Amino acid sequence: MLFRIGSPNTSFMPLRPRPDRIVDVLLLGVAAVWGASFLAAKDLAEQTGVPTAVALRFLVAAVATAVVCLARRERLPRGRGLIIAVALGCSQAAVIGLETWGVHLTSATNAGLLISLALVLTPVLEGLAARSWLPRSYFVAAVAAVVGVALLVSEGGLRTPAAGDGLVIAAAVVRALHVTASARLTRHRTEGTLGVVLVQMAVCAAVFTTAAGPDLPVGIAALDLAGWANVLFLGLFCSVFAFVVQLWAVRRTSASRASILMGTEPVWALLIGVVIAGEAIGALGICGAVLIVAASYAGQAIERRHRLRAAAAERTAGARPHVASAA
């Protein structure tokens, strides 16, 4: 325990942790559970099959989110807001489906690293949607990330990605589309965030429950203690806990700091895949992993500086007529 040294009356008083440190630790916790989700999803899918694994994850997540919504008296979206939430639920189902099928056919390490390509792709799509082209340095980082992917999946010699790798890359593309669409479709809307998320989780649960069909009760009956632990971890920690903490934390820190901390997800995926699952990664794979993570961080930093400069230029342009009229 830490103590503060001061006057006789205040000596040995325990130091309270700074609020910003608590936020940082919780955001790193979100990144860690997301990084661990690939191994948990891989193990669960091997036991039950992909549709059943994803259905169980979102059934648990939907029930838990519904309890939170009831406790907070959150209202569900209606009308156009409901249509948007359902559409985003379908795109989220596509992301998780591709991601889980991919990790089922490749290593958890590869999946956790390849999905980070969404960090590079999302600003490109946002720039296209806003008609604001990113600087050349950003595309240098994007090319570096692609080279990292080539090294990661090379397995001793350059080759095309395996089926699982390709599915995770497709998941990264769809995730980037999903994030971009979420930002644009929900901007300036009044629906509660938790209500929108509940609809999305319910849609994902319905899609994969239908896809699993009669295999769902069979898969449930076959689950052992480790399987149920994976279901609860994916549903409660990787879905409900991660979202609630993210929602709470981003209101108490900067978006840039939050994105950097949560952007450590591929690092956690690499550590957990190698240390816990014992997955092997060669010298070329390590070089590729480092290149993907470094390029993702560099791309985020370049995009953030570009966005801040554009916002400053807009403020300056808007202030000029006011200054002139005052003179």
Protein backbone atom coordinates (compact mmCIF):
# COMPACT_ATOMS: atom_id res chain seq x y z
CA MET A 1 0.00 0.00 0.00
CA LEU A 2 1.15 3.55 -0.76
CA PHE A 3 1.27 6.21 1.98
CA ARG A 4 1.54 9.98 1.96
CA ILE A 5 4.20 11.49 4.26
CA GLY A 6 3.18 14.83 5.77
CA SER A 7 2.31 16.34 9.10
CA PRO A 8 1.93 14.03 12.12
CA ASN A 9 -1.83 14.09 11.72
CA THR A 10 -1.77 13.22 8.03
CA SER A 11 1.15 10.80 7.84
CA PHE A 12 0.50 7.25 6.75
CA MET A 13 -2.72 8.23 5.00
CA PRO A 14 -3.37 5.94 2.00
CA LEU A 15 -3.05 7.48 -1.43
CA ARG A 16 -6.19 7.21 -3.50
CA PRO A 17 -5.66 6.16 -7.12
CA ARG A 18 -6.04 9.01 -9.59
CA PRO A 19 -9.30 8.85 -11.60
CA ASP A 20 -7.43 9.02 -14.91
CA ARG A 21 -5.35 5.99 -13.92
CA ILE A 22 -8.52 4.05 -13.15
CA VAL A 23 -9.85 4.96 -16.60
CA ASP A 24 -6.59 3.86 -18.24
CA VAL A 25 -6.60 0.53 -16.40
CA LEU A 26 -10.22 -0.17 -17.36
CA LEU A 27 -9.60 0.69 -21.02
CA LEU A 28 -6.57 -1.61 -21.04
CA GLY A 29 -8.86 -4.22 -19.50
CA VAL A 30 -11.24 -3.81 -22.44
CA ALA A 31 -8.34 -4.26 -24.89
CA ALA A 32 -7.15 -7.32 -22.97
CA VAL A 33 -10.52 -9.09 -22.99
CA TRP A 34 -10.97 -8.29 -26.67
CA GLY A 35 -7.50 -9.71 -27.33
CA ALA A 36 -8.41 -12.84 -25.36
CA SER A 37 -11.73 -13.19 -27.20
CA PHE A 38 -10.06 -14.76 -30.24
CA LEU A 39 -8.74 -17.72 -28.27
CA ALA A 40 -12.02 -18.13 -26.39
CA ALA A 41 -14.02 -17.97 -29.65
CA LYS A 42 -11.68 -20.48 -31.30
CA ASP A 43 -12.02 -22.97 -28.42
CA LEU A 44 -15.81 -22.55 -28.24
CA ALA A 45 -16.29 -22.88 -32.02
CA GLU A 46 -14.26 -26.09 -32.04
CA GLN A 47 -16.60 -27.51 -29.41
CA THR A 48 -19.99 -26.35 -30.73
CA GLY A 49 -19.50 -25.09 -34.29
CA VAL A 50 -19.40 -21.46 -35.34
CA PRO A 51 -23.14 -20.59 -35.58
CA THR A 52 -23.89 -22.11 -32.16
CA ALA A 53 -20.86 -20.42 -30.57
CA VAL A 54 -21.86 -16.97 -31.84
CA ALA A 55 -25.54 -17.54 -31.01
CA LEU A 56 -24.70 -18.42 -27.39
CA ARG A 57 -22.40 -15.41 -27.11
CA PHE A 58 -25.08 -12.96 -28.20
CA LEU A 59 -27.96 -14.63 -26.38
CA VAL A 60 -26.04 -14.14 -23.13
CA ALA A 61 -24.99 -10.61 -24.14
CA ALA A 62 -28.54 -9.62 -25.14
CA VAL A 63 -30.04 -10.85 -21.87
CA ALA A 64 -27.37 -9.09 -19.80
CA THR A 65 -27.76 -5.85 -21.79
CA ALA A 66 -31.54 -6.02 -21.39
CA VAL A 67 -31.07 -6.23 -17.61
CA VAL A 68 -28.80 -3.16 -17.70
CA CYS A 69 -31.33 -1.29 -19.87
CA LEU A 70 -34.14 -2.13 -17.47
CA ALA A 71 -32.07 -0.99 -14.51
CA ARG A 72 -31.24 2.30 -16.28
CA ARG A 73 -34.76 2.61 -17.74
CA GLU A 74 -33.33 2.96 -21.23
CA ARG A 75 -35.84 3.39 -24.04
CA LEU A 76 -35.52 1.28 -27.15
CA PRO A 77 -35.19 3.11 -30.49
CA ARG A 78 -38.32 3.56 -32.59
CA GLY A 79 -39.14 4.36 -36.19
CA ARG A 80 -36.09 5.32 -38.23
CA GLY A 81 -33.85 4.81 -35.20
CA LEU A 82 -35.03 1.19 -34.93
CA ILE A 83 -34.37 0.59 -38.64
CA ILE A 84 -30.85 1.99 -38.25
CA ALA A 85 -30.20 -0.18 -35.17
CA VAL A 86 -31.40 -3.32 -36.98
CA ALA A 87 -29.22 -2.53 -40.01
CA LEU A 88 -26.21 -2.02 -37.78
CA GLY A 89 -27.04 -5.28 -36.02
CA CYS A 90 -26.90 -7.08 -39.37
CA SER A 91 -23.50 -5.58 -40.19
CA GLN A 92 -22.25 -6.43 -36.70
CA ALA A 93 -23.44 -10.01 -37.21
CA ALA A 94 -21.44 -10.13 -40.45
CA VAL A 95 -18.31 -8.89 -38.64
CA ILE A 96 -18.55 -11.41 -35.80
CA GLY A 97 -19.52 -14.25 -38.15
CA LEU A 98 -16.55 -13.69 -40.46
CA GLU A 99 -14.24 -13.14 -37.49
CA THR A 100 -15.31 -16.34 -35.72
CA TRP A 101 -15.20 -18.46 -38.88
CA GLY A 102 -11.76 -16.99 -39.55
CA VAL A 103 -10.32 -17.72 -36.11
CA HIS A 104 -11.83 -21.21 -36.35
CA LEU A 105 -9.65 -21.84 -39.44
CA THR A 106 -6.49 -19.96 -38.44
CA SER A 107 -4.61 -19.20 -35.23
CA ALA A 108 -5.92 -16.88 -32.55
CA THR A 109 -2.67 -14.92 -32.90
CA ASN A 110 -3.15 -14.32 -36.62
CA ALA A 111 -6.82 -13.38 -36.15
CA GLY A 112 -6.08 -10.87 -33.39
CA LEU A 113 -3.42 -9.17 -35.48
CA LEU A 114 -5.23 -9.22 -38.82
CA ILE A 115 -8.43 -7.71 -37.40
CA SER A 116 -6.38 -4.64 -36.43
CA LEU A 117 -6.34 -3.73 -40.12
CA ALA A 118 -9.73 -2.17 -39.39
CA LEU A 119 -7.83 0.59 -37.54
CA VAL A 120 -6.15 1.51 -40.82
CA LEU A 121 -9.18 1.02 -43.06
CA THR A 122 -11.74 2.95 -41.00
CA PRO A 123 -10.19 6.45 -41.42
CA VAL A 124 -9.91 5.81 -45.19
CA LEU A 125 -13.62 5.05 -45.41
CA GLU A 126 -14.49 8.00 -43.16
CA GLY A 127 -12.37 10.25 -45.38
CA LEU A 128 -14.15 9.03 -48.49
CA ALA A 129 -17.56 9.54 -46.87
CA ALA A 130 -16.63 13.06 -45.71
CA ARG A 131 -14.74 13.84 -48.96
CA SER A 132 -11.67 14.68 -46.91
CA TRP A 133 -8.60 12.94 -48.33
CA LEU A 134 -5.92 11.83 -45.89
CA PRO A 135 -2.25 12.85 -46.27
CA ARG A 136 0.19 10.67 -48.18
CA SER A 137 1.96 9.60 -45.00
CA TYR A 138 -1.21 7.80 -43.94
CA PHE A 139 -1.14 5.60 -47.01
CA VAL A 140 2.52 4.82 -46.36
CA ALA A 141 1.37 3.43 -43.00
CA ALA A 142 -1.43 1.52 -44.74
CA VAL A 143 1.03 -0.08 -47.18
CA ALA A 144 3.28 -0.98 -44.23
CA ALA A 145 0.31 -2.73 -42.58
CA VAL A 146 -0.34 -4.74 -45.76
CA VAL A 147 3.34 -5.75 -45.90
CA GLY A 148 3.01 -6.82 -42.26
CA VAL A 149 0.05 -9.03 -43.19
CA ALA A 150 2.10 -10.65 -45.97
CA LEU A 151 4.92 -11.40 -43.53
CA LEU A 152 2.56 -12.66 -40.82
CA VAL A 153 0.89 -15.25 -43.06
CA SER A 154 4.07 -16.19 -44.96
CA GLU A 155 4.91 -19.30 -42.89
CA GLY A 156 8.47 -19.40 -44.18
CA GLY A 157 7.63 -18.28 -47.70
CA LEU A 158 5.39 -15.61 -49.20
CA ARG A 159 1.99 -17.00 -50.17
CA THR A 160 -1.63 -15.98 -50.39
CA PRO A 161 -3.47 -15.91 -47.03
CA ALA A 162 -5.09 -19.15 -45.87
CA ALA A 163 -8.89 -19.37 -45.80
CA GLY A 164 -9.06 -18.37 -42.13
CA ASP A 165 -6.71 -15.43 -42.65
CA GLY A 166 -8.79 -14.27 -45.61
CA LEU A 167 -12.00 -14.42 -43.57
CA VAL A 168 -10.46 -12.32 -40.77
CA ILE A 169 -9.22 -9.77 -43.33
CA ALA A 170 -12.76 -9.66 -44.74
CA ALA A 171 -14.03 -9.17 -41.17
CA ALA A 172 -11.64 -6.21 -40.78
CA VAL A 173 -13.04 -4.63 -43.96
CA VAL A 174 -16.64 -5.15 -42.83
CA ARG A 175 -15.77 -3.85 -39.34
CA ALA A 176 -14.38 -0.67 -40.88
CA LEU A 177 -17.61 -0.29 -42.90
CA HIS A 178 -19.68 -0.98 -39.77
CA VAL A 179 -17.82 1.62 -37.67
CA THR A 180 -18.07 4.23 -40.43
CA ALA A 181 -21.78 3.56 -40.94
CA SER A 182 -22.42 3.63 -37.19
CA ALA A 183 -20.79 7.04 -36.86
CA ARG A 184 -22.68 8.58 -39.77
CA LEU A 185 -26.10 6.99 -39.19
CA THR A 186 -26.30 7.64 -35.44
CA ARG A 187 -24.83 11.16 -35.48
CA HIS A 188 -27.25 13.81 -34.10
CA ARG A 189 -29.81 11.15 -33.18
CA THR A 190 -31.43 11.11 -29.74
CA GLU A 191 -31.76 7.37 -29.13
CA GLY A 192 -30.00 6.04 -26.05
CA THR A 193 -26.77 4.22 -26.87
CA LEU A 194 -27.53 1.18 -24.73
CA GLY A 195 -30.93 0.79 -26.39
CA VAL A 196 -29.30 0.78 -29.84
CA VAL A 197 -26.73 -1.77 -28.68
CA LEU A 198 -29.45 -4.00 -27.22
CA VAL A 199 -31.21 -4.07 -30.60
CA GLN A 200 -27.93 -4.91 -32.34
CA MET A 201 -27.21 -7.75 -29.92
CA ALA A 202 -30.76 -9.09 -30.29
CA VAL A 203 -30.37 -9.05 -34.09
CA CYS A 204 -27.05 -10.92 -33.86
CA ALA A 205 -28.59 -13.46 -31.49
CA ALA A 206 -31.58 -13.98 -33.80
CA VAL A 207 -29.41 -14.35 -36.94
CA PHE A 208 -27.09 -16.96 -35.45
CA THR A 209 -29.82 -18.78 -33.53
CA THR A 210 -31.58 -19.23 -36.87
CA ALA A 211 -28.30 -20.25 -38.55
CA ALA A 212 -27.55 -22.80 -35.81
CA GLY A 213 -31.04 -24.29 -35.98
CA PRO A 214 -31.28 -27.74 -34.36
CA ASP A 215 -27.52 -27.71 -33.68
CA LEU A 216 -28.05 -25.09 -30.95
CA PRO A 217 -29.68 -27.36 -28.31
CA VAL A 218 -27.24 -30.13 -29.25
CA GLY A 219 -24.32 -27.75 -28.76
CA ILE A 220 -25.69 -26.53 -25.43
CA ALA A 221 -26.04 -30.11 -24.18
CA ALA A 222 -22.44 -30.87 -25.20
CA LEU A 223 -20.91 -27.90 -23.38
CA ASP A 224 -18.60 -28.68 -20.49
CA LEU A 225 -17.49 -26.31 -17.74
CA ALA A 226 -14.74 -24.78 -19.91
CA GLY A 227 -17.23 -24.27 -22.73
CA TRP A 228 -19.67 -22.42 -20.48
CA ALA A 229 -16.79 -20.33 -19.15
CA ASN A 230 -16.00 -19.30 -22.75
CA VAL A 231 -19.67 -18.49 -23.41
CA LEU A 232 -19.92 -16.28 -20.32
CA PHE A 233 -16.55 -14.66 -21.03
CA LEU A 234 -17.52 -13.79 -24.61
CA GLY A 235 -21.04 -12.69 -23.73
CA LEU A 236 -20.47 -10.81 -20.49
CA PHE A 237 -16.88 -9.59 -20.60
CA CYS A 238 -16.16 -9.20 -24.32
CA SER A 239 -19.58 -7.74 -25.09
CA VAL A 240 -21.41 -6.18 -22.12
CA PHE A 241 -18.46 -5.29 -19.85
CA ALA A 242 -16.35 -3.99 -22.74
CA PHE A 243 -19.11 -1.77 -24.08
CA VAL A 244 -20.23 -0.37 -20.72
CA VAL A 245 -16.64 0.43 -19.70
CA GLN A 246 -15.92 1.98 -23.09
CA LEU A 247 -19.05 4.13 -22.83
CA TRP A 248 -18.16 5.20 -19.27
CA ALA A 249 -14.45 5.78 -19.95
CA VAL A 250 -14.64 7.85 -23.14
CA ARG A 251 -16.67 10.43 -21.23
CA ARG A 252 -13.81 10.81 -18.73
CA THR A 253 -10.80 10.89 -21.04
CA SER A 254 -9.93 12.04 -24.54
CA ALA A 255 -10.99 10.03 -27.58
CA SER A 256 -7.35 9.90 -28.68
CA ARG A 257 -6.19 8.41 -25.39
CA ALA A 258 -9.04 5.89 -25.41
CA SER A 259 -8.27 4.80 -28.98
CA ILE A 260 -4.58 4.32 -28.16
CA LEU A 261 -5.30 2.22 -25.09
CA MET A 262 -7.98 0.09 -26.76
CA GLY A 263 -5.76 -0.17 -29.83
CA THR A 264 -3.50 -2.49 -27.82
CA GLU A 265 -5.97 -5.31 -28.58
CA PRO A 266 -3.69 -7.00 -31.16
CA VAL A 267 -0.79 -6.91 -28.69
CA TRP A 268 -2.89 -8.76 -26.12
CA ALA A 269 -4.06 -11.21 -28.79
CA LEU A 270 -0.44 -11.94 -29.69
CA LEU A 271 0.63 -12.41 -26.06
CA ILE A 272 -2.33 -14.62 -25.15
CA GLY A 273 -2.04 -16.71 -28.32
CA VAL A 274 1.66 -17.37 -27.80
CA VAL A 275 1.84 -17.63 -23.99
CA ILE A 276 -1.46 -19.33 -23.14
CA ALA A 277 -2.34 -21.24 -26.31
CA GLY A 278 1.28 -22.03 -27.17
CA GLU A 279 0.85 -20.91 -30.78
CA ALA A 280 4.15 -20.65 -32.63
CA ILE A 281 5.16 -17.55 -34.57
CA GLY A 282 8.42 -17.42 -36.51
CA ALA A 283 10.85 -14.58 -37.14
CA LEU A 284 8.99 -13.37 -40.24
CA GLY A 285 5.70 -13.57 -38.35
CA ILE A 286 7.12 -11.48 -35.50
CA CYS A 287 8.34 -8.88 -38.00
CA GLY A 288 4.88 -8.84 -39.59
CA ALA A 289 3.15 -8.51 -36.21
CA VAL A 290 5.37 -5.58 -35.22
CA LEU A 291 4.79 -3.93 -38.59
CA ILE A 292 0.98 -4.31 -38.36
CA VAL A 293 0.79 -2.90 -34.83
CA ALA A 294 3.25 -0.07 -35.55
CA ALA A 295 1.49 0.87 -38.80
CA SER A 296 -1.89 0.85 -37.07
CA TYR A 297 -0.65 3.21 -34.35
CA ALA A 298 1.12 5.45 -36.86
CA GLY A 299 -2.00 5.58 -39.02
CA GLN A 300 -4.14 6.54 -36.03
CA ALA A 301 -1.73 9.32 -35.06
CA ILE A 302 -1.57 10.69 -38.63
CA GLU A 303 -5.37 10.62 -38.97
CA ARG A 304 -5.81 12.34 -35.60
CA ARG A 305 -3.40 15.16 -36.49
CA HIS A 306 -5.10 15.57 -39.87
CA ARG A 307 -8.54 15.78 -38.26
CA LEU A 308 -7.38 18.31 -35.64
CA ARG A 309 -5.75 20.50 -38.30
CA ALA A 310 -8.89 20.39 -40.45
CA ALA A 311 -11.04 21.36 -37.45
CA ALA A 312 -8.67 24.23 -36.59
CA ALA A 313 -8.76 25.46 -40.19
CA GLU A 314 -12.58 25.42 -40.14
CA ARG A 315 -12.66 27.41 -36.91
CA THR A 316 -10.19 29.93 -38.31
CA ALA A 317 -12.19 30.31 -41.54
CA GLY A 318 -15.38 30.79 -39.56
CA ALA A 319 -13.81 33.42 -37.32
CA ARG A 320 -12.40 35.63 -40.11
CA PRO A 321 -15.68 37.33 -41.17
CA HIS A 322 -16.46 38.06 -37.52
CA VAL A 323 -13.06 39.75 -37.01
CA ALA A 324 -13.42 41.77 -40.19
CA SER A 325 -16.87 43.07 -39.28
CA ALA A 326 -15.70 44.04 -35.83
CA ALA A 327 -12.89 46.12 -37.31
